[in-house]
Amino acid sequence: MDPLYFKHILVPVDFSAASLNAMDTAAVISRGHGAKLTPVHVVNKRLLSF
């Protein structure tokens, strides 16, 4: 069986302490695997009041 290998890691970010910690952890993992790291932040436009 092949070892686990990551090529691309998506990290959900809401700028909370927990998500920033997850980003740090994902950065360490991505460096170890030579993987691309992409933070993802989704905004629901219906919840915004302009």
C-alpha atoms as a PDB file:
ATOM      1  CA  MET A   1       0.000   0.000   0.000  1.00  0.00           C
ATOM      2  CA  ASP A   2       1.315   3.454  -0.933  1.00  0.00           C
ATOM      3  CA  PRO A   3       1.867   6.006   1.841  1.00  0.00           C
ATOM      4  CA  LEU A   4      -0.567   8.901   2.115  1.00  0.00           C
ATOM      5  CA  TYR A   5       0.387  11.688  -0.292  1.00  0.00           C
ATOM      6  CA  PHE A   6      -1.150  15.143  -0.663  1.00  0.00           C
ATOM      7  CA  LYS A   7      -0.903  17.260  -3.829  1.00  0.00           C
ATOM      8  CA  HIS A   8      -3.348  20.038  -2.934  1.00  0.00           C
ATOM      9  CA  ILE A   9      -4.831  21.000   0.433  1.00  0.00           C
ATOM     10  CA  LEU A  10      -7.902  23.251   0.795  1.00  0.00           C
ATOM     11  CA  VAL A  11      -8.275  24.918   4.191  1.00  0.00           C
ATOM     12  CA  PRO A  12     -11.561  26.563   5.214  1.00  0.00           C
ATOM     13  CA  VAL A  13     -10.827  29.869   6.953  1.00  0.00           C
ATOM     14  CA  ASP A  14     -13.206  32.098   8.918  1.00  0.00           C
ATOM     15  CA  PHE A  15     -10.365  34.010  10.644  1.00  0.00           C
ATOM     16  CA  SER A  16     -11.173  32.514  14.052  1.00  0.00           C
ATOM     17  CA  ALA A  17      -8.311  31.274  16.237  1.00  0.00           C
ATOM     18  CA  ALA A  18      -9.272  27.681  15.437  1.00  0.00           C
ATOM     19  CA  SER A  19      -9.209  28.201  11.672  1.00  0.00           C
ATOM     20  CA  LEU A  20      -5.885  30.034  11.823  1.00  0.00           C
ATOM     21  CA  ASN A  21      -4.476  27.121  13.826  1.00  0.00           C
ATOM     22  CA  ALA A  22      -5.806  24.768  11.136  1.00  0.00           C
ATOM     23  CA  MET A  23      -4.064  26.919   8.520  1.00  0.00           C
ATOM     24  CA  ASP A  24      -0.757  26.626  10.398  1.00  0.00           C
ATOM     25  CA  THR A  25      -1.161  22.848  10.631  1.00  0.00           C
ATOM     26  CA  ALA A  26      -2.061  22.574   6.952  1.00  0.00           C
ATOM     27  CA  ALA A  27       0.992  24.679   6.044  1.00  0.00           C
ATOM     28  CA  VAL A  28       3.276  22.242   7.858  1.00  0.00           C
ATOM     29  CA  ILE A  29       1.641  19.282   6.131  1.00  0.00           C
ATOM     30  CA  SER A  30       1.764  20.925   2.697  1.00  0.00           C
ATOM     31  CA  ARG A  31       5.467  21.743   3.065  1.00  0.00           C
ATOM     32  CA  GLY A  32       6.176  18.152   4.043  1.00  0.00           C
ATOM     33  CA  HIS A  33       4.407  16.846   0.948  1.00  0.00           C
ATOM     34  CA  GLY A  34       5.320  19.613  -1.480  1.00  0.00           C
ATOM     35  CA  ALA A  35       1.590  20.251  -1.825  1.00  0.00           C
ATOM     36  CA  LYS A  36      -0.198  23.391  -2.918  1.00  0.00           C
ATOM     37  CA  LEU A  37      -2.098  25.110  -0.082  1.00  0.00           C
ATOM     38  CA  THR A  38      -5.271  27.065  -0.813  1.00  0.00           C
ATOM     39  CA  PRO A  39      -7.223  28.900   1.892  1.00  0.00           C
ATOM     40  CA  VAL A  40     -10.974  29.086   1.213  1.00  0.00           C
ATOM     41  CA  HIS A  41     -13.293  31.730   2.666  1.00  0.00           C
ATOM     42  CA  VAL A  42     -16.905  31.721   1.491  1.00  0.00           C
ATOM     43  CA  VAL A  43     -19.253  34.640   2.031  1.00  0.00           C
ATOM     44  CA  ASN A  44     -23.008  34.276   1.699  1.00  0.00           C
ATOM     45  CA  LYS A  45     -24.017  37.464  -0.117  1.00  0.00           C
ATOM     46  CA  ARG A  46     -27.596  37.120   1.144  1.00  0.00           C
ATOM     47  CA  LEU A  47     -26.381  37.672   4.704  1.00  0.00           C
ATOM     48  CA  LEU A  48     -24.567  40.923   3.850  1.00  0.00           C
ATOM     49  CA  SER A  49     -26.437  44.177   4.275  1.00  0.00           C
ATOM     50  CA  PHE A  50     -25.274  46.934   1.969  1.00  0.00           C
END
